Amino acid sequence: MAARGRPAGPQRIGFPLRAERAILDAVRRCAAADLRSVNAQIEVLLREALERRGVRLEAPGDPGEAAKP
């Protein structure tokens, strides 16, 4: 029988986060509007912020850490 559910994606690492209630509430509203989980929404927001700063994420299989171009 074939595996069901989502295909395997990139490995996720748990990370505790403390945030102001107002920020978390705003993220929850954005997540609901975009039909995403809060975790997925935080990841999207982080990716957008990194892109604006010109930070390149390492491609899967690239050694080293993400660095500025």
PDB file of N, CA and C in Angstrom:
ATOM      1  N   MET A   1       0.844  -1.186   0.000  1.00  0.00           N
ATOM      2  CA  MET A   1       0.000   0.000   0.000  1.00  0.00           C
ATOM      3  C   MET A   1       0.887   1.246   0.000  1.00  0.00           C
ATOM      4  N   ALA A   2       0.546   2.215  -0.808  1.00  0.00           N
ATOM      5  CA  ALA A   2       1.329   3.443  -0.921  1.00  0.00           C
ATOM      6  C   ALA A   2       1.146   4.313   0.313  1.00  0.00           C
ATOM      7  N   ALA A   3       2.181   5.095   0.607  1.00  0.00           N
ATOM      8  CA  ALA A   3       2.110   6.022   1.740  1.00  0.00           C
ATOM      9  C   ALA A   3       1.064   7.093   1.456  1.00  0.00           C
ATOM     10  N   ARG A   4       0.395   7.514   2.496  1.00  0.00           N
ATOM     11  CA  ARG A   4      -0.644   8.538   2.350  1.00  0.00           C
ATOM     12  C   ARG A   4      -0.205   9.816   3.020  1.00  0.00           C
ATOM     13  N   GLY A   5      -0.897  10.892   2.710  1.00  0.00           N
ATOM     14  CA  GLY A   5      -0.600  12.174   3.333  1.00  0.00           C
ATOM     15  C   GLY A   5       0.336  13.009   2.489  1.00  0.00           C
ATOM     16  N   ARG A   6       0.933  13.977   3.131  1.00  0.00           N
ATOM     17  CA  ARG A   6       1.840  14.893   2.444  1.00  0.00           C
ATOM     18  C   ARG A   6       3.152  14.211   2.108  1.00  0.00           C
ATOM     19  N   PRO A   7       3.750  14.621   0.992  1.00  0.00           N
ATOM     20  CA  PRO A   7       5.088  14.098   0.700  1.00  0.00           C
ATOM     21  C   PRO A   7       6.088  14.674   1.704  1.00  0.00           C
ATOM     22  N   ALA A   8       7.182  13.969   1.892  1.00  0.00           N
ATOM     23  CA  ALA A   8       8.202  14.444   2.821  1.00  0.00           C
ATOM     24  C   ALA A   8       8.753  15.781   2.351  1.00  0.00           C
ATOM     25  N   GLY A   9       8.892  16.707   3.252  1.00  0.00           N
ATOM     26  CA  GLY A   9       9.444  18.017   2.929  1.00  0.00           C
ATOM     27  C   GLY A   9      10.764  18.199   3.643  1.00  0.00           C
ATOM     28  N   PRO A  10      11.234  19.433   3.690  1.00  0.00           N
ATOM     29  CA  PRO A  10      12.493  19.671   4.386  1.00  0.00           C
ATOM     30  C   PRO A  10      12.356  19.355   5.867  1.00  0.00           C
ATOM     31  N   GLN A  11      13.457  18.959   6.470  1.00  0.00           N
ATOM     32  CA  GLN A  11      13.445  18.651   7.897  1.00  0.00           C
ATOM     33  C   GLN A  11      13.121  19.913   8.681  1.00  0.00           C
ATOM     34  N   ARG A  12      12.272  19.788   9.650  1.00  0.00           N
ATOM     35  CA  ARG A  12      11.890  20.908  10.505  1.00  0.00           C
ATOM     36  C   ARG A  12      12.544  20.744  11.866  1.00  0.00           C
ATOM     37  N   ILE A  13      12.949  21.853  12.434  1.00  0.00           N
ATOM     38  CA  ILE A  13      13.578  21.852  13.744  1.00  0.00           C
ATOM     39  C   ILE A  13      12.693  22.649  14.684  1.00  0.00           C
ATOM     40  N   GLY A  14      12.347  22.064  15.814  1.00  0.00           N
ATOM     41  CA  GLY A  14      11.534  22.761  16.796  1.00  0.00           C
ATOM     42  C   GLY A  14      12.303  23.919  17.409  1.00  0.00           C
ATOM     43  N   PHE A  15      11.596  25.005  17.665  1.00  0.00           N
ATOM     44  CA  PHE A  15      12.231  26.192  18.233  1.00  0.00           C
ATOM     45  C   PHE A  15      11.217  26.912  19.107  1.00  0.00           C
ATOM     46  N   PRO A  16      11.498  27.038  20.413  1.00  0.00           N
ATOM     47  CA  PRO A  16      10.551  27.753  21.282  1.00  0.00           C
ATOM     48  C   PRO A  16      10.565  29.244  20.943  1.00  0.00           C
ATOM     49  N   LEU A  17       9.417  29.848  20.959  1.00  0.00           N
ATOM     50  CA  LEU A  17       9.303  31.259  20.604  1.00  0.00           C
ATOM     51  C   LEU A  17       8.460  31.985  21.638  1.00  0.00           C
ATOM     52  N   ARG A  18       8.972  33.085  22.123  1.00  0.00           N
ATOM     53  CA  ARG A  18       8.202  33.953  23.013  1.00  0.00           C
ATOM     54  C   ARG A  18       7.926  35.228  22.228  1.00  0.00           C
ATOM     55  N   ALA A  19       6.680  35.654  22.228  1.00  0.00           N
ATOM     56  CA  ALA A  19       6.305  36.860  21.487  1.00  0.00           C
ATOM     57  C   ALA A  19       5.226  37.605  22.256  1.00  0.00           C
ATOM     58  N   GLU A  20       5.136  38.887  21.988  1.00  0.00           N
ATOM     59  CA  GLU A  20       4.068  39.677  22.587  1.00  0.00           C
ATOM     60  C   GLU A  20       2.729  39.152  22.091  1.00  0.00           C
ATOM     61  N   ARG A  21       1.737  39.235  22.952  1.00  0.00           N
ATOM     62  CA  ARG A  21       0.402  38.747  22.602  1.00  0.00           C
ATOM     63  C   ARG A  21      -0.129  39.420  21.333  1.00  0.00           C
ATOM     64  N   ALA A  22       0.084  40.717  21.199  1.00  0.00           N
ATOM     65  CA  ALA A  22      -0.427  41.444  20.034  1.00  0.00           C
ATOM     66  C   ALA A  22       0.205  40.926  18.735  1.00  0.00           C
ATOM     67  N   ILE A  23       1.496  40.599  18.788  1.00  0.00           N
ATOM     68  CA  ILE A  23       2.173  40.077  17.591  1.00  0.00           C
ATOM     69  C   ILE A  23       1.622  38.705  17.248  1.00  0.00           C
ATOM     70  N   LEU A  24       1.502  37.836  18.240  1.00  0.00           N
ATOM     71  CA  LEU A  24       0.988  36.483  17.992  1.00  0.00           C
ATOM     72  C   LEU A  24      -0.454  36.530  17.500  1.00  0.00           C
ATOM     73  N   ASP A  25      -1.261  37.409  18.051  1.00  0.00           N
ATOM     74  CA  ASP A  25      -2.646  37.549  17.581  1.00  0.00           C
ATOM     75  C   ASP A  25      -2.679  37.986  16.114  1.00  0.00           C
ATOM     76  N   ALA A  26      -1.806  38.920  15.740  1.00  0.00           N
ATOM     77  CA  ALA A  26      -1.749  39.378  14.352  1.00  0.00           C
ATOM     78  C   ALA A  26      -1.308  38.245  13.427  1.00  0.00           C
ATOM     79  N   VAL A  27      -0.336  37.452  13.863  1.00  0.00           N
ATOM     80  CA  VAL A  27       0.121  36.312  13.060  1.00  0.00           C
ATOM     81  C   VAL A  27      -1.011  35.299  12.916  1.00  0.00           C
ATOM     82  N   ARG A  28      -1.754  35.059  13.981  1.00  0.00           N
ATOM     83  CA  ARG A  28      -2.897  34.126  13.904  1.00  0.00           C
ATOM     84  C   ARG A  28      -3.925  34.605  12.881  1.00  0.00           C
ATOM     85  N   ARG A  29      -4.214  35.917  12.892  1.00  0.00           N
ATOM     86  CA  ARG A  29      -5.181  36.457  11.922  1.00  0.00           C
ATOM     87  C   ARG A  29      -4.668  36.301  10.484  1.00  0.00           C
ATOM     88  N   CYS A  30      -3.395  36.602  10.276  1.00  0.00           N
ATOM     89  CA  CYS A  30      -2.807  36.446   8.933  1.00  0.00           C
ATOM     90  C   CYS A  30      -2.845  34.986   8.495  1.00  0.00           C
ATOM     91  N   ALA A  31      -2.508  34.083   9.417  1.00  0.00           N
ATOM     92  CA  ALA A  31      -2.509  32.654   9.101  1.00  0.00           C
ATOM     93  C   ALA A  31      -3.908  32.191   8.707  1.00  0.00           C
ATOM     94  N   ALA A  32      -4.902  32.621   9.454  1.00  0.00           N
ATOM     95  CA  ALA A  32      -6.282  32.227   9.145  1.00  0.00           C
ATOM     96  C   ALA A  32      -6.706  32.778   7.785  1.00  0.00           C
ATOM     97  N   ALA A  33      -6.338  34.010   7.490  1.00  0.00           N
ATOM     98  CA  ALA A  33      -6.703  34.618   6.209  1.00  0.00           C
ATOM     99  C   ALA A  33      -6.029  33.905   5.034  1.00  0.00           C
ATOM    100  N   ASP A  34      -4.816  33.391   5.262  1.00  0.00           N
ATOM    101  CA  ASP A  34      -4.061  32.704   4.203  1.00  0.00           C
ATOM    102  C   ASP A  34      -4.250  31.190   4.235  1.00  0.00           C
ATOM    103  N   LEU A  35      -5.127  30.706   5.126  1.00  0.00           N
ATOM    104  CA  LEU A  35      -5.395  29.271   5.285  1.00  0.00           C
ATOM    105  C   LEU A  35      -4.114  28.492   5.574  1.00  0.00           C
ATOM    106  N   ARG A  36      -3.317  29.027   6.506  1.00  0.00           N
ATOM    107  CA  ARG A  36      -2.082  28.375   6.932  1.00  0.00           C
ATOM    108  C   ARG A  36      -2.132  28.163   8.441  1.00  0.00           C
ATOM    109  N   SER A  37      -1.259  27.285   8.916  1.00  0.00           N
ATOM    110  CA  SER A  37      -1.078  27.150  10.358  1.00  0.00           C
ATOM    111  C   SER A  37      -0.254  28.343  10.842  1.00  0.00           C
ATOM    112  N   VAL A  38      -0.273  28.578  12.129  1.00  0.00           N
ATOM    113  CA  VAL A  38       0.535  29.668  12.691  1.00  0.00           C
ATOM    114  C   VAL A  38       2.010  29.392  12.415  1.00  0.00           C
ATOM    115  N   ASN A  39       2.460  28.151  12.581  1.00  0.00           N
ATOM    116  CA  ASN A  39       3.859  27.814  12.304  1.00  0.00           C
ATOM    117  C   ASN A  39       4.220  28.108  10.854  1.00  0.00           C
ATOM    118  N   ALA A  40       3.375  27.704   9.921  1.00  0.00           N
ATOM    119  CA  ALA A  40       3.648  27.963   8.508  1.00  0.00           C
ATOM    120  C   ALA A  40       3.675  29.464   8.233  1.00  0.00           C
ATOM    121  N   GLN A  41       2.781  30.214   8.870  1.00  0.00           N
ATOM    122  CA  GLN A  41       2.745  31.657   8.663  1.00  0.00           C
ATOM    123  C   GLN A  41       4.018  32.311   9.185  1.00  0.00           C
ATOM    124  N   ILE A  42       4.499  31.878  10.342  1.00  0.00           N
ATOM    125  CA  ILE A  42       5.741  32.428  10.886  1.00  0.00           C
ATOM    126  C   ILE A  42       6.895  32.147   9.930  1.00  0.00           C
ATOM    127  N   GLU A  43       6.943  30.945   9.362  1.00  0.00           N
ATOM    128  CA  GLU A  43       8.002  30.609   8.419  1.00  0.00           C
ATOM    129  C   GLU A  43       7.925  31.497   7.176  1.00  0.00           C
ATOM    130  N   VAL A  44       6.724  31.737   6.665  1.00  0.00           N
ATOM    131  CA  VAL A  44       6.555  32.617   5.507  1.00  0.00           C
ATOM    132  C   VAL A  44       7.048  34.024   5.847  1.00  0.00           C
ATOM    133  N   LEU A  45       6.658  34.537   7.006  1.00  0.00           N
ATOM    134  CA  LEU A  45       7.074  35.881   7.411  1.00  0.00           C
ATOM    135  C   LEU A  45       8.589  35.967   7.570  1.00  0.00           C
ATOM    136  N   LEU A  46       9.209  34.932   8.130  1.00  0.00           N
ATOM    137  CA  LEU A  46      10.660  34.917   8.269  1.00  0.00           C
ATOM    138  C   LEU A  46      11.348  34.898   6.902  1.00  0.00           C
ATOM    139  N   ARG A  47      10.837  34.076   5.989  1.00  0.00           N
ATOM    140  CA  ARG A  47      11.421  34.020   4.638  1.00  0.00           C
ATOM    141  C   ARG A  47      11.315  35.375   3.937  1.00  0.00           C
ATOM    142  N   GLU A  48      10.150  36.027   4.064  1.00  0.00           N
ATOM    143  CA  GLU A  48       9.968  37.339   3.445  1.00  0.00           C
ATOM    144  C   GLU A  48      10.936  38.364   4.040  1.00  0.00           C
ATOM    145  N   ALA A  49      11.103  38.339   5.361  1.00  0.00           N
ATOM    146  CA  ALA A  49      12.016  39.284   6.019  1.00  0.00           C
ATOM    147  C   ALA A  49      13.460  39.033   5.591  1.00  0.00           C
ATOM    148  N   LEU A  50      13.857  37.771   5.502  1.00  0.00           N
ATOM    149  CA  LEU A  50      15.213  37.451   5.066  1.00  0.00           C
ATOM    150  C   LEU A  50      15.443  37.888   3.618  1.00  0.00           C
ATOM    151  N   GLU A  51      14.451  37.669   2.770  1.00  0.00           N
ATOM    152  CA  GLU A  51      14.564  38.071   1.364  1.00  0.00           C
ATOM    153  C   GLU A  51      14.741  39.592   1.256  1.00  0.00           C
ATOM    154  N   ARG A  52      13.954  40.348   2.031  1.00  0.00           N
ATOM    155  CA  ARG A  52      14.074  41.816   2.016  1.00  0.00           C
ATOM    156  C   ARG A  52      15.465  42.266   2.443  1.00  0.00           C
ATOM    157  N   ARG A  53      16.094  41.509   3.337  1.00  0.00           N
ATOM    158  CA  ARG A  53      17.437  41.856   3.808  1.00  0.00           C
ATOM    159  C   ARG A  53      18.522  41.348   2.867  1.00  0.00           C
ATOM    160  N   GLY A  54      18.126  40.597   1.847  1.00  0.00           N
ATOM    161  CA  GLY A  54      19.108  40.077   0.896  1.00  0.00           C
ATOM    162  C   GLY A  54      19.835  38.841   1.377  1.00  0.00           C
ATOM    163  N   VAL A  55      19.263  38.153   2.352  1.00  0.00           N
ATOM    164  CA  VAL A  55      19.885  36.932   2.869  1.00  0.00           C
ATOM    165  C   VAL A  55      19.453  35.760   2.005  1.00  0.00           C
ATOM    166  N   ARG A  56      20.449  35.013   1.530  1.00  0.00           N
ATOM    167  CA  ARG A  56      20.166  33.851   0.692  1.00  0.00           C
ATOM    168  C   ARG A  56      20.087  32.612   1.576  1.00  0.00           C
ATOM    169  N   LEU A  57      19.001  31.853   1.425  1.00  0.00           N
ATOM    170  CA  LEU A  57      18.884  30.588   2.150  1.00  0.00           C
ATOM    171  C   LEU A  57      19.699  29.550   1.412  1.00  0.00           C
ATOM    172  N   GLU A  58      20.355  28.687   2.168  1.00  0.00           N
ATOM    173  CA  GLU A  58      21.125  27.641   1.506  1.00  0.00           C
ATOM    174  C   GLU A  58      20.181  26.670   0.824  1.00  0.00           C
ATOM    175  N   ALA A  59      20.581  26.214  -0.334  1.00  0.00           N
ATOM    176  CA  ALA A  59      19.795  25.217  -1.066  1.00  0.00           C
ATOM    177  C   ALA A  59      19.979  23.877  -0.384  1.00  0.00           C
ATOM    178  N   PRO A  60      18.976  22.986  -0.502  1.00  0.00           N
ATOM    179  CA  PRO A  60      19.143  21.657   0.099  1.00  0.00           C
ATOM    180  C   PRO A  60      20.415  21.006  -0.407  1.00  0.00           C
ATOM    181  N   GLY A  61      21.227  20.522   0.528  1.00  0.00           N
ATOM    182  CA  GLY A  61      22.470  19.863   0.155  1.00  0.00           C
ATOM    183  C   GLY A  61      23.666  20.803   0.148  1.00  0.00           C
ATOM    184  N   ASP A  62      23.448  22.134   0.220  1.00  0.00           N
ATOM    185  CA  ASP A  62      24.560  23.084   0.264  1.00  0.00           C
ATOM    186  C   ASP A  62      25.222  23.027   1.642  1.00  0.00           C
ATOM    187  N   PRO A  63      26.537  22.984   1.683  1.00  0.00           N
ATOM    188  CA  PRO A  63      27.205  23.042   2.979  1.00  0.00           C
ATOM    189  C   PRO A  63      27.216  24.467   3.508  1.00  0.00           C
ATOM    190  N   GLY A  64      27.398  24.603   4.796  1.00  0.00           N
ATOM    191  CA  GLY A  64      27.519  25.935   5.376  1.00  0.00           C
ATOM    192  C   GLY A  64      26.190  26.539   5.753  1.00  0.00           C
ATOM    193  N   GLU A  65      26.252  27.787   6.176  1.00  0.00           N
ATOM    194  CA  GLU A  65      25.059  28.503   6.601  1.00  0.00           C
ATOM    195  C   GLU A  65      24.633  29.473   5.538  1.00  0.00           C
ATOM    196  N   ALA A  66      23.376  29.948   5.654  1.00  0.00           N
ATOM    197  CA  ALA A  66      22.895  30.952   4.724  1.00  0.00           C
ATOM    198  C   ALA A  66      23.758  32.201   4.881  1.00  0.00           C
ATOM    199  N   ALA A  67      24.068  32.831   3.778  1.00  0.00           N
ATOM    200  CA  ALA A  67      24.943  33.996   3.820  1.00  0.00           C
ATOM    201  C   ALA A  67      24.425  35.066   2.877  1.00  0.00           C
ATOM    202  N   LYS A  68      24.877  36.270   3.096  1.00  0.00           N
ATOM    203  CA  LYS A  68      24.512  37.353   2.181  1.00  0.00           C
ATOM    204  C   LYS A  68      25.283  37.172   0.884  1.00  0.00           C
ATOM    205  N   PRO A  69      24.663  37.541  -0.263  1.00  0.00           N
ATOM    206  CA  PRO A  69      25.354  37.391  -1.548  1.00  0.00           C
ATOM    207  C   PRO A  69      26.552  38.310  -1.666  1.00  0.00           C
TER     208      PRO A  69
END
